[in-house]
Amino acid sequence: MAVQAGPAPLPRDSIYQIDASLTDQSGRRLTLASKRGRAQLVVMFYTSCKFICPTIIDTVLDLDGQLTPSDRMRMGVLMISLDPQRDDPTALKAVADQRSLDLTRWTLGQPRPTDVRAIAALLGVRYRTLADGELNHTGVLALLDTDGRVVARSTKTSGSVDPKFMDRIRAALTAPLSAPPAESSLIPTRIQVASVRGDRAQNHSRCLRPRFAGGRGVPPLPLATGWSESHRPAGPSPIGAGTMLTMRVKSAR
């Protein structure tokens, strides 16, 4: 009797290595790794956002509309909430209905609160919580290949598509997706935090240790970015009031 082989191991630089789960707009639980097998366009947003998030959705809809029907079926869209405390399945479904999103290909996901920062770091999304409970965050479109490797990114989310990013998507959907360039050989090993208190500045290093499935240790992951000196939080930040955060990335090789 022939024995069917199991799925091939995930590449070490796949973001699907992270042990993170989501609840989608229908209340169904799924893992990031369940998206393996189809290219994914991944963004982070939150439903009550009135500024950048609507333009992110506009950009993805514009991009989606420029694909051929066959290419469209080869790519899913995954929208992950930055605000899981408020973005429950009902809130996510309301956005999907309002924007007439194709839920056969689009997934809106509520992550566990403890997973938000790790997911954001892997996708290159920077964010902080404001005093009024709203979020200040960057807009990033990340294209994942069928194994969850980041093969392209765009920060142009003003409602129209970056032509170079569009070209990369078309190339990726019409040819075998290749591994990402040298960026994937970088591991976000430590976070350098500069805390400003009065006239004194104190530097601290904190290990970035997200959980990975199977206990296989920390693989090489896409470049993660945090607040730099030019993005110093003016109000409360996730680390603490007045904190300035810069991620230092060291090569694994």
Protein backbone atom coordinates (compact mmCIF):
# COMPACT_ATOMS: atom_id res chain seq x y z
CA MET A 1 0.00 0.00 0.00
CA ALA A 2 1.41 3.37 -1.00
CA VAL A 3 1.99 5.81 1.82
CA GLN A 4 1.17 9.41 1.08
CA ALA A 5 3.92 11.82 1.97
CA GLY A 6 3.05 14.63 4.35
CA PRO A 7 3.44 18.29 3.43
CA ALA A 8 6.98 19.52 2.91
CA PRO A 9 8.51 21.39 5.86
CA LEU A 10 7.99 25.14 5.79
CA PRO A 11 10.96 27.23 4.65
CA ARG A 12 12.88 28.65 7.58
CA ASP A 13 12.07 32.21 6.46
CA SER A 14 8.32 31.62 6.25
CA ILE A 15 6.18 33.80 8.51
CA TYR A 16 3.93 30.75 8.83
CA GLN A 17 6.52 29.43 11.29
CA ILE A 18 5.02 31.70 13.93
CA ASP A 19 2.49 30.06 16.23
CA ALA A 20 -0.33 32.55 15.66
CA SER A 21 -4.05 31.97 15.19
CA LEU A 22 -6.88 34.15 13.93
CA THR A 23 -10.66 34.28 14.21
CA ASP A 24 -12.18 35.29 10.89
CA GLN A 25 -15.27 37.34 10.04
CA SER A 26 -17.49 34.25 10.32
CA GLY A 27 -16.13 33.26 13.74
CA ARG A 28 -14.02 30.42 12.36
CA ARG A 29 -10.63 29.78 13.96
CA LEU A 30 -7.63 29.35 11.67
CA THR A 31 -3.86 29.52 11.78
CA LEU A 32 -1.62 31.64 9.61
CA ALA A 33 -0.19 28.43 8.18
CA SER A 34 -3.64 27.44 6.91
CA LYS A 35 -3.07 30.01 4.14
CA ARG A 36 -0.21 27.93 2.75
CA GLY A 37 -0.67 26.84 -0.85
CA ARG A 38 -1.91 30.15 -2.27
CA ALA A 39 -0.09 33.46 -2.56
CA GLN A 40 -1.43 36.01 -0.08
CA LEU A 41 -1.56 39.78 -0.04
CA VAL A 42 -1.43 40.67 3.66
CA VAL A 43 -2.24 44.00 5.33
CA MET A 44 -2.86 45.13 8.90
CA PHE A 45 -5.73 47.49 9.73
CA TYR A 46 -8.49 48.08 12.27
CA THR A 47 -12.19 48.56 11.67
CA SER A 48 -12.73 51.89 13.46
CA CYS A 49 -9.82 53.57 11.64
CA LYS A 50 -11.01 56.65 9.75
CA PHE A 51 -7.84 57.65 7.94
CA ILE A 52 -5.24 55.25 6.52
CA CYS A 53 -7.23 51.99 6.72
CA PRO A 54 -9.96 52.97 4.23
CA THR A 55 -7.26 53.95 1.71
CA ILE A 56 -5.45 50.65 2.34
CA ILE A 57 -8.64 48.79 1.42
CA ASP A 58 -9.13 51.06 -1.62
CA THR A 59 -5.58 50.25 -2.75
CA VAL A 60 -6.08 46.51 -2.40
CA LEU A 61 -9.40 46.66 -4.25
CA ASP A 62 -7.75 48.65 -7.05
CA LEU A 63 -4.90 46.15 -7.20
CA ASP A 64 -7.31 43.22 -7.17
CA GLY A 65 -9.31 44.74 -10.01
CA GLN A 66 -6.20 44.99 -12.20
CA LEU A 67 -5.56 41.24 -12.04
CA THR A 68 -6.94 38.82 -14.60
CA PRO A 69 -9.64 36.45 -13.29
CA SER A 70 -7.19 33.53 -13.37
CA ASP A 71 -4.49 35.46 -11.49
CA ARG A 72 -7.07 36.68 -8.99
CA MET A 73 -7.93 33.10 -8.09
CA ARG A 74 -4.26 32.36 -7.39
CA MET A 75 -4.00 35.05 -4.69
CA GLY A 76 -5.87 35.45 -1.42
CA VAL A 77 -6.15 38.64 0.61
CA LEU A 78 -5.58 38.51 4.36
CA MET A 79 -6.46 41.55 6.48
CA ILE A 80 -5.25 41.22 10.08
CA SER A 81 -6.58 43.53 12.79
CA LEU A 82 -4.28 45.69 14.89
CA ASP A 83 -7.10 46.10 17.42
CA PRO A 84 -8.29 42.60 18.43
CA GLN A 85 -9.97 43.87 21.60
CA ARG A 86 -12.61 45.66 19.49
CA ASP A 87 -12.42 43.92 16.13
CA ASP A 88 -14.50 40.83 16.79
CA PRO A 89 -16.07 38.78 13.96
CA THR A 90 -19.15 41.03 13.91
CA ALA A 91 -17.04 44.16 13.36
CA LEU A 92 -14.95 42.41 10.71
CA LYS A 93 -18.03 41.12 8.87
CA ALA A 94 -19.53 44.63 8.87
CA VAL A 95 -16.47 45.96 7.01
CA ALA A 96 -16.55 43.06 4.57
CA ASP A 97 -20.22 43.72 3.83
CA GLN A 98 -19.81 47.49 3.59
CA ARG A 99 -16.94 47.15 1.10
CA SER A 100 -18.50 44.19 -0.78
CA LEU A 101 -15.39 42.05 -0.31
CA ASP A 102 -15.24 38.64 -1.96
CA LEU A 103 -15.08 36.35 1.08
CA THR A 104 -14.17 33.35 -1.05
CA ARG A 105 -10.74 34.99 -1.36
CA TRP A 106 -10.62 37.67 1.34
CA THR A 107 -10.16 36.84 5.01
CA LEU A 108 -10.49 39.43 7.79
CA GLY A 109 -8.82 38.12 10.92
CA GLN A 110 -8.87 38.92 14.63
CA PRO A 111 -5.54 37.76 16.12
CA ARG A 112 -4.84 36.95 19.72
CA PRO A 113 -3.78 40.19 21.48
CA THR A 114 -0.45 38.60 22.39
CA ASP A 115 0.32 37.91 18.71
CA VAL A 116 -0.26 41.38 17.25
CA ARG A 117 3.22 42.77 17.85
CA ALA A 118 5.02 39.72 16.48
CA ILE A 119 2.87 39.64 13.33
CA ALA A 120 3.35 43.38 12.79
CA ALA A 121 7.11 43.05 13.18
CA LEU A 122 7.32 40.25 10.63
CA LEU A 123 5.28 42.22 8.09
CA GLY A 124 7.17 45.48 8.71
CA VAL A 125 4.20 47.36 10.20
CA ARG A 126 4.86 50.04 12.83
CA TYR A 127 2.12 51.07 15.24
CA ARG A 128 1.41 52.60 18.62
CA THR A 129 -1.67 53.19 20.74
CA LEU A 130 -2.75 56.79 21.24
CA ALA A 131 -4.20 58.31 24.40
CA ASP A 132 -7.75 58.15 22.99
CA GLY A 133 -7.45 54.44 22.25
CA GLU A 134 -6.96 54.89 18.52
CA LEU A 135 -3.88 53.55 16.71
CA ASN A 136 -1.18 55.32 14.76
CA HIS A 137 0.26 52.88 12.23
CA THR A 138 2.02 52.58 8.91
CA GLY A 139 0.40 51.15 5.80
CA VAL A 140 2.19 48.14 4.34
CA LEU A 141 1.14 45.70 1.63
CA ALA A 142 3.09 42.44 1.90
CA LEU A 143 3.03 39.77 -0.79
CA LEU A 144 3.63 36.24 0.50
CA ASP A 145 4.48 33.32 -1.73
CA THR A 146 2.68 30.00 -1.38
CA ASP A 147 4.96 29.03 1.52
CA GLY A 148 4.53 32.28 3.45
CA ARG A 149 7.77 34.02 2.48
CA VAL A 150 7.63 37.80 1.96
CA VAL A 151 8.61 38.34 -1.68
CA ALA A 152 7.55 41.99 -2.10
CA ARG A 153 6.35 44.95 -0.04
CA SER A 154 4.80 48.32 -0.80
CA THR A 155 4.17 51.27 1.49
CA LYS A 156 2.17 53.18 -1.14
CA THR A 157 -1.38 52.92 0.19
CA SER A 158 -2.94 56.20 -0.91
CA GLY A 159 -5.71 54.48 -2.85
CA SER A 160 -3.79 53.81 -6.06
CA VAL A 161 -1.43 50.94 -6.79
CA ASP A 162 2.35 51.17 -6.93
CA PRO A 163 3.14 50.08 -10.54
CA LYS A 164 6.36 48.32 -9.51
CA PHE A 165 4.54 46.37 -6.80
CA MET A 166 1.81 45.47 -9.30
CA ASP A 167 4.45 44.18 -11.71
CA ARG A 168 5.95 42.08 -8.94
CA ILE A 169 2.56 40.56 -8.14
CA ARG A 170 1.89 39.70 -11.78
CA ALA A 171 5.33 38.14 -12.14
CA ALA A 172 4.84 36.15 -8.95
CA LEU A 173 1.44 34.84 -10.01
CA THR A 174 2.57 33.76 -13.48
CA ALA A 175 5.83 32.07 -12.48
CA PRO A 176 7.07 29.98 -9.56
CA LEU A 177 7.51 32.28 -6.59
CA SER A 178 11.14 32.58 -5.64
CA ALA A 179 12.57 33.03 -2.19
CA PRO A 180 12.96 36.65 -1.10
CA PRO A 181 16.29 38.40 -1.54
CA ALA A 182 18.95 38.95 1.11
CA GLU A 183 16.37 40.58 3.37
CA SER A 184 15.18 37.11 4.39
CA SER A 185 18.58 36.22 5.85
CA LEU A 186 18.13 38.78 8.59
CA ILE A 187 16.84 37.83 12.02
CA PRO A 188 15.31 40.49 14.28
CA THR A 189 17.39 39.30 17.23
CA ARG A 190 17.17 42.26 19.58
CA ILE A 191 15.21 45.45 19.99
CA GLN A 192 17.19 48.52 21.01
CA VAL A 193 15.02 50.77 23.16
CA ALA A 194 15.98 54.30 24.12
CA SER A 195 13.81 55.58 26.98
CA VAL A 196 13.85 59.33 27.43
CA ARG A 197 13.15 60.41 30.99
CA GLY A 198 13.64 64.09 31.66
CA ASP A 199 17.16 65.07 30.58
CA ARG A 200 18.48 61.52 30.86
CA ALA A 201 18.42 58.93 28.09
CA GLN A 202 18.74 55.26 28.98
CA ASN A 203 19.42 52.55 26.41
CA HIS A 204 18.11 49.04 26.88
CA SER A 205 18.18 45.90 24.76
CA ARG A 206 15.24 43.54 24.77
CA CYS A 207 15.15 40.18 23.08
CA LEU A 208 12.49 39.64 20.47
CA ARG A 209 11.30 36.10 21.09
CA PRO A 210 8.06 35.35 19.23
CA ARG A 211 6.64 31.83 19.55
CA PHE A 212 7.28 29.49 16.65
CA ALA A 213 5.39 26.30 15.89
CA GLY A 214 7.14 23.03 16.63
CA GLY A 215 9.77 24.54 18.91
CA ARG A 216 12.26 24.80 16.07
CA GLY A 217 13.85 27.98 17.34
CA VAL A 218 14.07 31.34 15.63
CA PRO A 219 14.34 31.06 11.82
CA PRO A 220 15.57 33.79 9.48
CA LEU A 221 12.59 36.11 9.06
CA PRO A 222 11.76 39.13 6.94
CA LEU A 223 13.11 42.44 8.11
CA ALA A 224 11.15 43.83 11.05
CA THR A 225 11.03 47.56 11.70
CA GLY A 226 10.07 49.59 14.73
CA TRP A 227 9.83 53.25 15.67
CA SER A 228 13.00 55.07 14.60
CA GLU A 229 14.26 58.41 15.84
CA SER A 230 12.12 60.10 13.17
CA HIS A 231 9.02 58.28 14.45
CA ARG A 232 9.34 59.08 18.10
CA PRO A 233 5.94 58.65 19.77
CA ALA A 234 4.49 61.92 20.97
CA GLY A 235 2.18 60.20 23.46
CA PRO A 236 1.83 56.85 25.19
CA SER A 237 3.54 54.02 23.32
CA PRO A 238 3.30 50.23 23.61
CA ILE A 239 6.52 50.20 25.68
CA GLY A 240 5.74 53.19 27.87
CA ALA A 241 5.29 56.94 27.88
CA GLY A 242 7.99 58.81 25.99
CA THR A 243 9.59 55.64 24.67
CA MET A 244 11.57 55.68 21.46
CA LEU A 245 12.00 52.25 19.88
CA THR A 246 14.40 51.17 17.16
CA MET A 247 14.83 47.56 16.05
CA ARG A 248 18.40 46.51 15.36
CA VAL A 249 18.62 43.59 12.93
CA LYS A 250 21.60 41.23 12.83
CA SER A 251 22.45 38.76 10.13
CA ALA A 252 21.93 35.07 10.90
CA ARG A 253 24.95 34.15 8.81
